[in-house]
Amino acid sequence: MSVVSICIDVADVKQATQFYTQVLECTIKQEKADSTELQVENSTVYLIQKEENSNPLVKGTASRIYQRHWTPVHLDFHVDNIEQAITLVTEFGGEVEEQQSGDWGSAAFCADPFGNGFCLIKIN
């Protein structure tokens, strides 16, 4: 059986820990100087402090950027109260880019304070 954990690079692990615990209801399992291990339901999320503009690749050249960026992989957080979660996203330094709703429920397309995209989802 495979186990999936999620690693998120951030510029400030203390700020990221506050964002993910207060906004997305993750719980802290372990904190270190440059990383935090979080739990959300049956998933483990690692927040790892990495310097902006550092190269994340073993081969190739790229730079970590913490302004809003796109990646083909993102996280969906299913929430009970999407309006409250949206308010907390902006209160703790994130951004809500778009909202959609329909007979299926609601979604908010967001970014954390480090430009990492995620969605808030409320299914009816």
PDB file of N, CA and C in Angstrom:
ATOM      1  N   MET A   1       0.838  -1.184   0.000  1.00  0.00           N
ATOM      2  CA  MET A   1       0.000   0.000   0.000  1.00  0.00           C
ATOM      3  C   MET A   1       0.880   1.242   0.000  1.00  0.00           C
ATOM      4  N   SER A   2       0.532   2.208  -0.796  1.00  0.00           N
ATOM      5  CA  SER A   2       1.241   3.478  -0.829  1.00  0.00           C
ATOM      6  C   SER A   2       0.628   4.442   0.180  1.00  0.00           C
ATOM      7  N   VAL A   3       1.473   5.278   0.718  1.00  0.00           N
ATOM      8  CA  VAL A   3       1.031   6.352   1.593  1.00  0.00           C
ATOM      9  C   VAL A   3       1.445   7.653   0.928  1.00  0.00           C
ATOM     10  N   VAL A   4       0.537   8.586   0.850  1.00  0.00           N
ATOM     11  CA  VAL A   4       0.822   9.879   0.231  1.00  0.00           C
ATOM     12  C   VAL A   4       0.920  10.933   1.325  1.00  0.00           C
ATOM     13  N   SER A   5       1.990  11.700   1.295  1.00  0.00           N
ATOM     14  CA  SER A   5       2.098  12.873   2.152  1.00  0.00           C
ATOM     15  C   SER A   5       2.311  14.078   1.242  1.00  0.00           C
ATOM     16  N   ILE A   6       2.011  15.227   1.761  1.00  0.00           N
ATOM     17  CA  ILE A   6       2.053  16.456   0.978  1.00  0.00           C
ATOM     18  C   ILE A   6       3.135  17.351   1.558  1.00  0.00           C
ATOM     19  N   CYS A   7       4.023  17.846   0.709  1.00  0.00           N
ATOM     20  CA  CYS A   7       5.079  18.764   1.140  1.00  0.00           C
ATOM     21  C   CYS A   7       4.853  20.112   0.464  1.00  0.00           C
ATOM     22  N   ILE A   8       4.862  21.159   1.265  1.00  0.00           N
ATOM     23  CA  ILE A   8       4.632  22.510   0.755  1.00  0.00           C
ATOM     24  C   ILE A   8       5.826  23.369   1.157  1.00  0.00           C
ATOM     25  N   ASP A   9       6.530  23.906   0.170  1.00  0.00           N
ATOM     26  CA  ASP A   9       7.637  24.823   0.439  1.00  0.00           C
ATOM     27  C   ASP A   9       7.058  26.199   0.780  1.00  0.00           C
ATOM     28  N   VAL A  10       7.609  26.815   1.813  1.00  0.00           N
ATOM     29  CA  VAL A  10       7.160  28.132   2.264  1.00  0.00           C
ATOM     30  C   VAL A  10       8.378  28.959   2.660  1.00  0.00           C
ATOM     31  N   ALA A  11       8.224  30.263   2.635  1.00  0.00           N
ATOM     32  CA  ALA A  11       9.315  31.151   3.019  1.00  0.00           C
ATOM     33  C   ALA A  11       9.379  31.355   4.533  1.00  0.00           C
ATOM     34  N   ASP A  12       8.260  31.183   5.226  1.00  0.00           N
ATOM     35  CA  ASP A  12       8.189  31.421   6.662  1.00  0.00           C
ATOM     36  C   ASP A  12       7.340  30.319   7.286  1.00  0.00           C
ATOM     37  N   VAL A  13       7.986  29.354   7.918  1.00  0.00           N
ATOM     38  CA  VAL A  13       7.265  28.185   8.440  1.00  0.00           C
ATOM     39  C   VAL A  13       6.313  28.556   9.574  1.00  0.00           C
ATOM     40  N   LYS A  14       6.648  29.548  10.382  1.00  0.00           N
ATOM     41  CA  LYS A  14       5.743  29.951  11.465  1.00  0.00           C
ATOM     42  C   LYS A  14       4.462  30.563  10.900  1.00  0.00           C
ATOM     43  N   GLN A  15       4.580  31.435   9.910  1.00  0.00           N
ATOM     44  CA  GLN A  15       3.405  32.026   9.279  1.00  0.00           C
ATOM     45  C   GLN A  15       2.571  30.952   8.577  1.00  0.00           C
ATOM     46  N   ALA A  16       3.246  30.034   7.898  1.00  0.00           N
ATOM     47  CA  ALA A  16       2.543  28.963   7.193  1.00  0.00           C
ATOM     48  C   ALA A  16       1.808  28.052   8.173  1.00  0.00           C
ATOM     49  N   THR A  17       2.431  27.745   9.298  1.00  0.00           N
ATOM     50  CA  THR A  17       1.787  26.906  10.309  1.00  0.00           C
ATOM     51  C   THR A  17       0.520  27.581  10.825  1.00  0.00           C
ATOM     52  N   GLN A  18       0.609  28.858  11.094  1.00  0.00           N
ATOM     53  CA  GLN A  18      -0.579  29.594  11.544  1.00  0.00           C
ATOM     54  C   GLN A  18      -1.674  29.570  10.478  1.00  0.00           C
ATOM     55  N   PHE A  19      -1.311  29.791   9.220  1.00  0.00           N
ATOM     56  CA  PHE A  19      -2.292  29.786   8.130  1.00  0.00           C
ATOM     57  C   PHE A  19      -2.983  28.425   8.028  1.00  0.00           C
ATOM     58  N   TYR A  20      -2.217  27.360   7.948  1.00  0.00           N
ATOM     59  CA  TYR A  20      -2.797  26.039   7.724  1.00  0.00           C
ATOM     60  C   TYR A  20      -3.554  25.490   8.937  1.00  0.00           C
ATOM     61  N   THR A  21      -3.173  25.899  10.145  1.00  0.00           N
ATOM     62  CA  THR A  21      -3.922  25.442  11.316  1.00  0.00           C
ATOM     63  C   THR A  21      -5.175  26.281  11.549  1.00  0.00           C
ATOM     64  N   GLN A  22      -5.074  27.592  11.378  1.00  0.00           N
ATOM     65  CA  GLN A  22      -6.212  28.468  11.651  1.00  0.00           C
ATOM     66  C   GLN A  22      -7.232  28.481  10.524  1.00  0.00           C
ATOM     67  N   VAL A  23      -6.768  28.456   9.292  1.00  0.00           N
ATOM     68  CA  VAL A  23      -7.673  28.562   8.142  1.00  0.00           C
ATOM     69  C   VAL A  23      -8.208  27.204   7.721  1.00  0.00           C
ATOM     70  N   LEU A  24      -7.334  26.211   7.658  1.00  0.00           N
ATOM     71  CA  LEU A  24      -7.705  24.926   7.065  1.00  0.00           C
ATOM     72  C   LEU A  24      -7.824  23.796   8.085  1.00  0.00           C
ATOM     73  N   GLU A  25      -7.774  24.156   9.371  1.00  0.00           N
ATOM     74  CA  GLU A  25      -8.032  23.235  10.478  1.00  0.00           C
ATOM     75  C   GLU A  25      -7.103  22.019  10.521  1.00  0.00           C
ATOM     76  N   CYS A  26      -5.881  22.189  10.031  1.00  0.00           N
ATOM     77  CA  CYS A  26      -4.870  21.146  10.199  1.00  0.00           C
ATOM     78  C   CYS A  26      -4.409  21.180  11.657  1.00  0.00           C
ATOM     79  N   THR A  27      -3.977  20.050  12.168  1.00  0.00           N
ATOM     80  CA  THR A  27      -3.457  20.008  13.529  1.00  0.00           C
ATOM     81  C   THR A  27      -1.952  19.739  13.489  1.00  0.00           C
ATOM     82  N   ILE A  28      -1.257  20.303  14.439  1.00  0.00           N
ATOM     83  CA  ILE A  28       0.196  20.155  14.503  1.00  0.00           C
ATOM     84  C   ILE A  28       0.550  18.806  15.111  1.00  0.00           C
ATOM     85  N   LYS A  29       1.377  18.046  14.403  1.00  0.00           N
ATOM     86  CA  LYS A  29       1.918  16.789  14.941  1.00  0.00           C
ATOM     87  C   LYS A  29       3.311  17.019  15.512  1.00  0.00           C
ATOM     88  N   GLN A  30       4.117  17.833  14.803  1.00  0.00           N
ATOM     89  CA  GLN A  30       5.491  18.068  15.245  1.00  0.00           C
ATOM     90  C   GLN A  30       5.981  19.371  14.632  1.00  0.00           C
ATOM     91  N   GLU A  31       6.692  20.159  15.433  1.00  0.00           N
ATOM     92  CA  GLU A  31       7.302  21.394  14.951  1.00  0.00           C
ATOM     93  C   GLU A  31       8.805  21.340  15.146  1.00  0.00           C
ATOM     94  N   LYS A  32       9.529  21.805  14.136  1.00  0.00           N
ATOM     95  CA  LYS A  32      10.972  21.967  14.215  1.00  0.00           C
ATOM     96  C   LYS A  32      11.288  23.388  13.777  1.00  0.00           C
ATOM     97  N   ALA A  33      12.545  23.761  13.812  1.00  0.00           N
ATOM     98  CA  ALA A  33      12.933  25.127  13.461  1.00  0.00           C
ATOM     99  C   ALA A  33      12.576  25.483  12.025  1.00  0.00           C
ATOM    100  N   ASP A  34      12.707  24.524  11.091  1.00  0.00           N
ATOM    101  CA  ASP A  34      12.490  24.830   9.679  1.00  0.00           C
ATOM    102  C   ASP A  34      11.411  23.971   9.024  1.00  0.00           C
ATOM    103  N   SER A  35      10.582  23.300   9.847  1.00  0.00           N
ATOM    104  CA  SER A  35       9.496  22.504   9.277  1.00  0.00           C
ATOM    105  C   SER A  35       8.422  22.241  10.325  1.00  0.00           C
ATOM    106  N   THR A  36       7.224  21.972   9.835  1.00  0.00           N
ATOM    107  CA  THR A  36       6.113  21.575  10.699  1.00  0.00           C
ATOM    108  C   THR A  36       5.405  20.413  10.033  1.00  0.00           C
ATOM    109  N   GLU A  37       5.104  19.398  10.819  1.00  0.00           N
ATOM    110  CA  GLU A  37       4.315  18.267  10.342  1.00  0.00           C
ATOM    111  C   GLU A  37       2.888  18.468  10.825  1.00  0.00           C
ATOM    112  N   LEU A  38       1.955  18.480   9.878  1.00  0.00           N
ATOM    113  CA  LEU A  38       0.544  18.692  10.180  1.00  0.00           C
ATOM    114  C   LEU A  38      -0.260  17.453   9.833  1.00  0.00           C
ATOM    115  N   GLN A  39      -1.416  17.334  10.447  1.00  0.00           N
ATOM    116  CA  GLN A  39      -2.358  16.265  10.125  1.00  0.00           C
ATOM    117  C   GLN A  39      -3.691  16.910   9.755  1.00  0.00           C
ATOM    118  N   VAL A  40      -4.287  16.429   8.690  1.00  0.00           N
ATOM    119  CA  VAL A  40      -5.646  16.828   8.327  1.00  0.00           C
ATOM    120  C   VAL A  40      -6.344  15.561   7.855  1.00  0.00           C
ATOM    121  N   GLU A  41      -7.362  15.157   8.628  1.00  0.00           N
ATOM    122  CA  GLU A  41      -8.021  13.864   8.402  1.00  0.00           C
ATOM    123  C   GLU A  41      -6.956  12.771   8.295  1.00  0.00           C
ATOM    124  N   ASN A  42      -6.884  12.042   7.187  1.00  0.00           N
ATOM    125  CA  ASN A  42      -5.917  10.949   7.054  1.00  0.00           C
ATOM    126  C   ASN A  42      -4.708  11.339   6.204  1.00  0.00           C
ATOM    127  N   SER A  43      -4.440  12.632   6.081  1.00  0.00           N
ATOM    128  CA  SER A  43      -3.298  13.109   5.283  1.00  0.00           C
ATOM    129  C   SER A  43      -2.295  13.838   6.169  1.00  0.00           C
ATOM    130  N   THR A  44      -1.023  13.664   5.835  1.00  0.00           N
ATOM    131  CA  THR A  44       0.046  14.388   6.509  1.00  0.00           C
ATOM    132  C   THR A  44       0.548  15.472   5.568  1.00  0.00           C
ATOM    133  N   VAL A  45       0.666  16.684   6.104  1.00  0.00           N
ATOM    134  CA  VAL A  45       1.154  17.824   5.340  1.00  0.00           C
ATOM    135  C   VAL A  45       2.422  18.316   6.024  1.00  0.00           C
ATOM    136  N   TYR A  46       3.491  18.446   5.252  1.00  0.00           N
ATOM    137  CA  TYR A  46       4.748  18.977   5.761  1.00  0.00           C
ATOM    138  C   TYR A  46       4.943  20.376   5.202  1.00  0.00           C
ATOM    139  N   LEU A  47       5.099  21.339   6.072  1.00  0.00           N
ATOM    140  CA  LEU A  47       5.471  22.695   5.687  1.00  0.00           C
ATOM    141  C   LEU A  47       6.975  22.794   5.868  1.00  0.00           C
ATOM    142  N   ILE A  48       7.674  23.118   4.794  1.00  0.00           N
ATOM    143  CA  ILE A  48       9.135  23.109   4.821  1.00  0.00           C
ATOM    144  C   ILE A  48       9.651  24.480   4.413  1.00  0.00           C
ATOM    145  N   GLN A  49      10.390  25.095   5.304  1.00  0.00           N
ATOM    146  CA  GLN A  49      10.922  26.421   5.020  1.00  0.00           C
ATOM    147  C   GLN A  49      12.072  26.311   4.037  1.00  0.00           C
ATOM    148  N   LYS A  50      11.931  27.008   2.921  1.00  0.00           N
ATOM    149  CA  LYS A  50      12.957  27.053   1.878  1.00  0.00           C
ATOM    150  C   LYS A  50      13.131  28.510   1.469  1.00  0.00           C
ATOM    151  N   GLU A  51      14.359  28.896   1.286  1.00  0.00           N
ATOM    152  CA  GLU A  51      14.663  30.280   0.934  1.00  0.00           C
ATOM    153  C   GLU A  51      14.136  30.629  -0.451  1.00  0.00           C
ATOM    154  N   GLU A  52      13.530  31.817  -0.549  1.00  0.00           N
ATOM    155  CA  GLU A  52      13.066  32.286  -1.855  1.00  0.00           C
ATOM    156  C   GLU A  52      14.254  32.397  -2.803  1.00  0.00           C
ATOM    157  N   ASN A  53      14.024  32.082  -4.052  1.00  0.00           N
ATOM    158  CA  ASN A  53      15.009  32.093  -5.142  1.00  0.00           C
ATOM    159  C   ASN A  53      16.009  30.941  -5.068  1.00  0.00           C
ATOM    160  N   SER A  54      15.872  30.047  -4.087  1.00  0.00           N
ATOM    161  CA  SER A  54      16.746  28.874  -4.066  1.00  0.00           C
ATOM    162  C   SER A  54      16.296  27.904  -5.157  1.00  0.00           C
ATOM    163  N   ASN A  55      17.215  27.077  -5.615  1.00  0.00           N
ATOM    164  CA  ASN A  55      16.933  26.134  -6.698  1.00  0.00           C
ATOM    165  C   ASN A  55      16.337  24.849  -6.119  1.00  0.00           C
ATOM    166  N   PRO A  56      15.100  24.477  -6.515  1.00  0.00           N
ATOM    167  CA  PRO A  56      14.480  23.268  -5.988  1.00  0.00           C
ATOM    168  C   PRO A  56      14.845  21.993  -6.751  1.00  0.00           C
ATOM    169  N   LEU A  57      15.627  22.104  -7.811  1.00  0.00           N
ATOM    170  CA  LEU A  57      15.894  20.965  -8.686  1.00  0.00           C
ATOM    171  C   LEU A  57      17.310  20.428  -8.515  1.00  0.00           C
ATOM    172  N   VAL A  58      17.430  19.111  -8.591  1.00  0.00           N
ATOM    173  CA  VAL A  58      18.758  18.495  -8.587  1.00  0.00           C
ATOM    174  C   VAL A  58      19.413  18.717  -9.941  1.00  0.00           C
ATOM    175  N   LYS A  59      18.642  18.513 -10.991  1.00  0.00           N
ATOM    176  CA  LYS A  59      19.111  18.773 -12.354  1.00  0.00           C
ATOM    177  C   LYS A  59      18.247  19.876 -12.935  1.00  0.00           C
ATOM    178  N   GLY A  60      18.866  20.857 -13.511  1.00  0.00           N
ATOM    179  CA  GLY A  60      18.112  21.948 -14.118  1.00  0.00           C
ATOM    180  C   GLY A  60      18.180  23.195 -13.272  1.00  0.00           C
ATOM    181  N   THR A  61      17.627  24.229 -13.818  1.00  0.00           N
ATOM    182  CA  THR A  61      17.633  25.503 -13.121  1.00  0.00           C
ATOM    183  C   THR A  61      16.205  26.014 -13.002  1.00  0.00           C
ATOM    184  N   ALA A  62      15.884  26.377 -11.831  1.00  0.00           N
ATOM    185  CA  ALA A  62      14.593  26.984 -11.512  1.00  0.00           C
ATOM    186  C   ALA A  62      14.788  27.711 -10.193  1.00  0.00           C
ATOM    187  N   SER A  63      13.864  28.546  -9.853  1.00  0.00           N
ATOM    188  CA  SER A  63      13.935  29.252  -8.581  1.00  0.00           C
ATOM    189  C   SER A  63      12.602  29.150  -7.870  1.00  0.00           C
ATOM    190  N   ARG A  64      12.661  28.958  -6.569  1.00  0.00           N
ATOM    191  CA  ARG A  64      11.440  29.009  -5.771  1.00  0.00           C
ATOM    192  C   ARG A  64      10.955  30.453  -5.766  1.00  0.00           C
ATOM    193  N   ILE A  65       9.697  30.619  -6.053  1.00  0.00           N
ATOM    194  CA  ILE A  65       9.083  31.941  -5.964  1.00  0.00           C
ATOM    195  C   ILE A  65       7.871  31.838  -5.057  1.00  0.00           C
ATOM    196  N   TYR A  66       7.655  32.869  -4.299  1.00  0.00           N
ATOM    197  CA  TYR A  66       6.531  32.859  -3.375  1.00  0.00           C
ATOM    198  C   TYR A  66       5.492  33.919  -3.705  1.00  0.00           C
ATOM    199  N   GLN A  67       5.533  34.393  -4.936  1.00  0.00           N
ATOM    200  CA  GLN A  67       4.390  35.151  -5.438  1.00  0.00           C
ATOM    201  C   GLN A  67       3.454  34.121  -6.052  1.00  0.00           C
ATOM    202  N   ARG A  68       2.264  34.504  -6.424  1.00  0.00           N
ATOM    203  CA  ARG A  68       1.301  33.545  -6.962  1.00  0.00           C
ATOM    204  C   ARG A  68       1.886  32.855  -8.177  1.00  0.00           C
ATOM    205  N   HIS A  69       1.807  31.530  -8.198  1.00  0.00           N
ATOM    206  CA  HIS A  69       2.332  30.739  -9.303  1.00  0.00           C
ATOM    207  C   HIS A  69       1.366  29.601  -9.595  1.00  0.00           C
ATOM    208  N   TRP A  70       1.480  29.046 -10.764  1.00  0.00           N
ATOM    209  CA  TRP A  70       0.596  27.963 -11.192  1.00  0.00           C
ATOM    210  C   TRP A  70       1.349  26.652 -11.176  1.00  0.00           C
ATOM    211  N   THR A  71       0.656  25.616 -10.793  1.00  0.00           N
ATOM    212  CA  THR A  71       1.180  24.260 -10.877  1.00  0.00           C
ATOM    213  C   THR A  71       0.024  23.347 -11.255  1.00  0.00           C
ATOM    214  N   PRO A  72       0.266  22.286 -11.983  1.00  0.00           N
ATOM    215  CA  PRO A  72      -0.835  21.413 -12.367  1.00  0.00           C
ATOM    216  C   PRO A  72      -1.363  20.558 -11.207  1.00  0.00           C
ATOM    217  N   VAL A  73      -0.705  20.593 -10.066  1.00  0.00           N
ATOM    218  CA  VAL A  73      -1.158  19.847  -8.900  1.00  0.00           C
ATOM    219  C   VAL A  73      -1.531  20.852  -7.817  1.00  0.00           C
ATOM    220  N   HIS A  74      -2.696  20.667  -7.226  1.00  0.00           N
ATOM    221  CA  HIS A  74      -3.095  21.529  -6.122  1.00  0.00           C
ATOM    222  C   HIS A  74      -3.909  20.710  -5.127  1.00  0.00           C
ATOM    223  N   LEU A  75      -4.161  21.296  -3.973  1.00  0.00           N
ATOM    224  CA  LEU A  75      -4.916  20.633  -2.916  1.00  0.00           C
ATOM    225  C   LEU A  75      -6.341  21.156  -2.886  1.00  0.00           C
ATOM    226  N   ASP A  76      -7.285  20.285  -2.568  1.00  0.00           N
ATOM    227  CA  ASP A  76      -8.668  20.667  -2.297  1.00  0.00           C
ATOM    228  C   ASP A  76      -8.941  20.392  -0.830  1.00  0.00           C
ATOM    229  N   PHE A  77      -9.411  21.395  -0.106  1.00  0.00           N
ATOM    230  CA  PHE A  77      -9.802  21.233   1.280  1.00  0.00           C
ATOM    231  C   PHE A  77     -11.317  21.304   1.352  1.00  0.00           C
ATOM    232  N   HIS A  78     -11.943  20.219   1.782  1.00  0.00           N
ATOM    233  CA  HIS A  78     -13.395  20.169   1.925  1.00  0.00           C
ATOM    234  C   HIS A  78     -13.749  20.759   3.285  1.00  0.00           C
ATOM    235  N   VAL A  79     -14.617  21.761   3.263  1.00  0.00           N
ATOM    236  CA  VAL A  79     -14.957  22.496   4.483  1.00  0.00           C
ATOM    237  C   VAL A  79     -16.462  22.442   4.718  1.00  0.00           C
ATOM    238  N   ASP A  80     -16.847  22.605   5.977  1.00  0.00           N
ATOM    239  CA  ASP A  80     -18.264  22.630   6.326  1.00  0.00           C
ATOM    240  C   ASP A  80     -18.885  23.999   6.077  1.00  0.00           C
ATOM    241  N   ASN A  81     -18.108  25.061   6.309  1.00  0.00           N
ATOM    242  CA  ASN A  81     -18.610  26.427   6.165  1.00  0.00           C
ATOM    243  C   ASN A  81     -17.666  27.192   5.245  1.00  0.00           C
ATOM    244  N   ILE A  82     -18.005  27.238   3.968  1.00  0.00           N
ATOM    245  CA  ILE A  82     -17.094  27.834   2.983  1.00  0.00           C
ATOM    246  C   ILE A  82     -16.967  29.345   3.169  1.00  0.00           C
ATOM    247  N   GLU A  83     -18.039  30.028   3.550  1.00  0.00           N
ATOM    248  CA  GLU A  83     -17.955  31.483   3.740  1.00  0.00           C
ATOM    249  C   GLU A  83     -17.011  31.840   4.886  1.00  0.00           C
ATOM    250  N   GLN A  84     -17.078  31.088   5.973  1.00  0.00           N
ATOM    251  CA  GLN A  84     -16.163  31.324   7.086  1.00  0.00           C
ATOM    252  C   GLN A  84     -14.723  31.045   6.665  1.00  0.00           C
ATOM    253  N   ALA A  85     -14.498  29.950   5.926  1.00  0.00           N
ATOM    254  CA  ALA A  85     -13.148  29.615   5.461  1.00  0.00           C
ATOM    255  C   ALA A  85     -12.599  30.689   4.527  1.00  0.00           C
ATOM    256  N   ILE A  86     -13.438  31.222   3.654  1.00  0.00           N
ATOM    257  CA  ILE A  86     -13.026  32.299   2.738  1.00  0.00           C
ATOM    258  C   ILE A  86     -12.577  33.523   3.531  1.00  0.00           C
ATOM    259  N   THR A  87     -13.328  33.877   4.553  1.00  0.00           N
ATOM    260  CA  THR A  87     -12.968  35.017   5.402  1.00  0.00           C
ATOM    261  C   THR A  87     -11.613  34.797   6.060  1.00  0.00           C
ATOM    262  N   LEU A  88     -11.382  33.583   6.555  1.00  0.00           N
ATOM    263  CA  LEU A  88     -10.110  33.272   7.222  1.00  0.00           C
ATOM    264  C   LEU A  88      -8.935  33.278   6.260  1.00  0.00           C
ATOM    265  N   VAL A  89      -9.151  32.850   5.019  1.00  0.00           N
ATOM    266  CA  VAL A  89      -8.068  32.864   4.026  1.00  0.00           C
ATOM    267  C   VAL A  89      -7.480  34.263   3.926  1.00  0.00           C
ATOM    268  N   THR A  90      -8.328  35.266   3.748  1.00  0.00           N
ATOM    269  CA  THR A  90      -7.823  36.637   3.590  1.00  0.00           C
ATOM    270  C   THR A  90      -7.322  37.207   4.914  1.00  0.00           C
ATOM    271  N   GLU A  91      -7.969  36.844   6.010  1.00  0.00           N
ATOM    272  CA  GLU A  91      -7.549  37.334   7.324  1.00  0.00           C
ATOM    273  C   GLU A  91      -6.128  36.890   7.667  1.00  0.00           C
ATOM    274  N   PHE A  92      -5.745  35.698   7.222  1.00  0.00           N
ATOM    275  CA  PHE A  92      -4.424  35.162   7.537  1.00  0.00           C
ATOM    276  C   PHE A  92      -3.435  35.289   6.376  1.00  0.00           C
ATOM    277  N   GLY A  93      -3.697  36.205   5.434  1.00  0.00           N
ATOM    278  CA  GLY A  93      -2.710  36.548   4.415  1.00  0.00           C
ATOM    279  C   GLY A  93      -2.822  35.829   3.095  1.00  0.00           C
ATOM    280  N   GLY A  94      -3.838  35.004   2.919  1.00  0.00           N
ATOM    281  CA  GLY A  94      -4.041  34.325   1.646  1.00  0.00           C
ATOM    282  C   GLY A  94      -4.891  35.160   0.703  1.00  0.00           C
ATOM    283  N   GLU A  95      -5.222  34.579  -0.422  1.00  0.00           N
ATOM    284  CA  GLU A  95      -5.996  35.292  -1.442  1.00  0.00           C
ATOM    285  C   GLU A  95      -7.097  34.375  -1.977  1.00  0.00           C
ATOM    286  N   VAL A  96      -8.284  34.940  -2.144  1.00  0.00           N
ATOM    287  CA  VAL A  96      -9.392  34.246  -2.798  1.00  0.00           C
ATOM    288  C   VAL A  96      -9.503  34.832  -4.191  1.00  0.00           C
ATOM    289  N   GLU A  97      -9.291  34.009  -5.209  1.00  0.00           N
ATOM    290  CA  GLU A  97      -9.224  34.493  -6.586  1.00  0.00           C
ATOM    291  C   GLU A  97     -10.562  34.413  -7.317  1.00  0.00           C
ATOM    292  N   GLU A  98     -11.358  33.401  -6.979  1.00  0.00           N
ATOM    293  CA  GLU A  98     -12.620  33.204  -7.688  1.00  0.00           C
ATOM    294  C   GLU A  98     -13.498  32.291  -6.846  1.00  0.00           C
ATOM    295  N   GLN A  99     -14.811  32.452  -7.007  1.00  0.00           N
ATOM    296  CA  GLN A  99     -15.766  31.569  -6.359  1.00  0.00           C
ATOM    297  C   GLN A  99     -16.760  31.071  -7.399  1.00  0.00           C
ATOM    298  N   GLN A 100     -17.199  29.835  -7.238  1.00  0.00           N
ATOM    299  CA  GLN A 100     -18.226  29.261  -8.099  1.00  0.00           C
ATOM    300  C   GLN A 100     -19.191  28.474  -7.231  1.00  0.00           C
ATOM    301  N   SER A 101     -20.439  28.410  -7.671  1.00  0.00           N
ATOM    302  CA  SER A 101     -21.405  27.579  -6.962  1.00  0.00           C
ATOM    303  C   SER A 101     -22.452  27.082  -7.942  1.00  0.00           C
ATOM    304  N   GLY A 102     -23.096  26.033  -7.562  1.00  0.00           N
ATOM    305  CA  GLY A 102     -24.142  25.430  -8.367  1.00  0.00           C
ATOM    306  C   GLY A 102     -24.906  24.447  -7.514  1.00  0.00           C
ATOM    307  N   ASP A 103     -25.744  23.642  -8.142  1.00  0.00           N
ATOM    308  CA  ASP A 103     -26.520  22.685  -7.371  1.00  0.00           C
ATOM    309  C   ASP A 103     -25.639  21.621  -6.721  1.00  0.00           C
ATOM    310  N   TRP A 104     -24.413  21.493  -7.147  1.00  0.00           N
ATOM    311  CA  TRP A 104     -23.446  20.546  -6.593  1.00  0.00           C
ATOM    312  C   TRP A 104     -22.816  21.048  -5.301  1.00  0.00           C
ATOM    313  N   GLY A 105     -22.772  22.378  -5.110  1.00  0.00           N
ATOM    314  CA  GLY A 105     -22.129  22.955  -3.935  1.00  0.00           C
ATOM    315  C   GLY A 105     -21.393  24.229  -4.307  1.00  0.00           C
ATOM    316  N   SER A 106     -20.277  24.495  -3.623  1.00  0.00           N
ATOM    317  CA  SER A 106     -19.499  25.718  -3.831  1.00  0.00           C
ATOM    318  C   SER A 106     -18.009  25.413  -3.838  1.00  0.00           C
ATOM    319  N   ALA A 107     -17.281  26.264  -4.531  1.00  0.00           N
ATOM    320  CA  ALA A 107     -15.821  26.171  -4.563  1.00  0.00           C
ATOM    321  C   ALA A 107     -15.237  27.575  -4.531  1.00  0.00           C
ATOM    322  N   ALA A 108     -14.110  27.707  -3.866  1.00  0.00           N
ATOM    323  CA  ALA A 108     -13.350  28.954  -3.873  1.00  0.00           C
ATOM    324  C   ALA A 108     -11.921  28.605  -4.264  1.00  0.00           C
ATOM    325  N   PHE A 109     -11.405  29.297  -5.270  1.00  0.00           N
ATOM    326  CA  PHE A 109     -10.051  29.088  -5.762  1.00  0.00           C
ATOM    327  C   PHE A 109      -9.155  30.085  -5.037  1.00  0.00           C
ATOM    328  N   CYS A 110      -8.178  29.575  -4.301  1.00  0.00           N
ATOM    329  CA  CYS A 110      -7.416  30.395  -3.360  1.00  0.00           C
ATOM    330  C   CYS A 110      -5.911  30.182  -3.525  1.00  0.00           C
ATOM    331  N   ALA A 111      -5.152  31.014  -2.820  1.00  0.00           N
ATOM    332  CA  ALA A 111      -3.705  30.848  -2.707  1.00  0.00           C
ATOM    333  C   ALA A 111      -3.314  31.151  -1.266  1.00  0.00           C
ATOM    334  N   ASP A 112      -2.341  30.411  -0.748  1.00  0.00           N
ATOM    335  CA  ASP A 112      -1.822  30.692   0.588  1.00  0.00           C
ATOM    336  C   ASP A 112      -0.899  31.918   0.512  1.00  0.00           C
ATOM    337  N   PRO A 113      -0.365  32.398   1.623  1.00  0.00           N
ATOM    338  CA  PRO A 113       0.497  33.590   1.580  1.00  0.00           C
ATOM    339  C   PRO A 113       1.781  33.414   0.772  1.00  0.00           C
ATOM    340  N   PHE A 114       2.081  32.194   0.327  1.00  0.00           N
ATOM    341  CA  PHE A 114       3.318  31.909  -0.405  1.00  0.00           C
ATOM    342  C   PHE A 114       3.053  31.571  -1.864  1.00  0.00           C
ATOM    343  N   GLY A 115       1.843  31.883  -2.345  1.00  0.00           N
ATOM    344  CA  GLY A 115       1.508  31.697  -3.747  1.00  0.00           C
ATOM    345  C   GLY A 115       1.080  30.300  -4.135  1.00  0.00           C
ATOM    346  N   ASN A 116       0.996  29.380  -3.166  1.00  0.00           N
ATOM    347  CA  ASN A 116       0.574  28.008  -3.461  1.00  0.00           C
ATOM    348  C   ASN A 116      -0.947  27.938  -3.573  1.00  0.00           C
ATOM    349  N   GLY A 117      -1.426  27.485  -4.719  1.00  0.00           N
ATOM    350  CA  GLY A 117      -2.852  27.410  -4.960  1.00  0.00           C
ATOM    351  C   GLY A 117      -3.520  26.236  -4.271  1.00  0.00           C
ATOM    352  N   PHE A 118      -4.763  26.429  -3.866  1.00  0.00           N
ATOM    353  CA  PHE A 118      -5.602  25.373  -3.311  1.00  0.00           C
ATOM    354  C   PHE A 118      -7.058  25.782  -3.489  1.00  0.00           C
ATOM    355  N   CYS A 119      -7.953  24.837  -3.314  1.00  0.00           N
ATOM    356  CA  CYS A 119      -9.381  25.120  -3.415  1.00  0.00           C
ATOM    357  C   CYS A 119     -10.068  24.783  -2.102  1.00  0.00           C
ATOM    358  N   LEU A 120     -11.076  25.586  -1.778  1.00  0.00           N
ATOM    359  CA  LEU A 120     -12.009  25.254  -0.718  1.00  0.00           C
ATOM    360  C   LEU A 120     -13.233  24.674  -1.402  1.00  0.00           C
ATOM    361  N   ILE A 121     -13.724  23.552  -0.908  1.00  0.00           N
ATOM    362  CA  ILE A 121     -14.836  22.860  -1.531  1.00  0.00           C
ATOM    363  C   ILE A 121     -15.918  22.594  -0.484  1.00  0.00           C
ATOM    364  N   LYS A 122     -17.150  22.892  -0.832  1.00  0.00           N
ATOM    365  CA  LYS A 122     -18.313  22.544   0.001  1.00  0.00           C
ATOM    366  C   LYS A 122     -19.299  21.832  -0.925  1.00  0.00           C
ATOM    367  N   ILE A 123     -19.471  20.538  -0.701  1.00  0.00           N
ATOM    368  CA  ILE A 123     -20.395  19.731  -1.512  1.00  0.00           C
ATOM    369  C   ILE A 123     -21.755  19.710  -0.826  1.00  0.00           C
ATOM    370  N   ASN A 124     -22.802  19.968  -1.593  1.00  0.00           N
ATOM    371  CA  ASN A 124     -24.166  19.887  -1.042  1.00  0.00           C
ATOM    372  C   ASN A 124     -24.590  18.461  -0.847  1.00  0.00           C
TER     373      ASN A 124
END
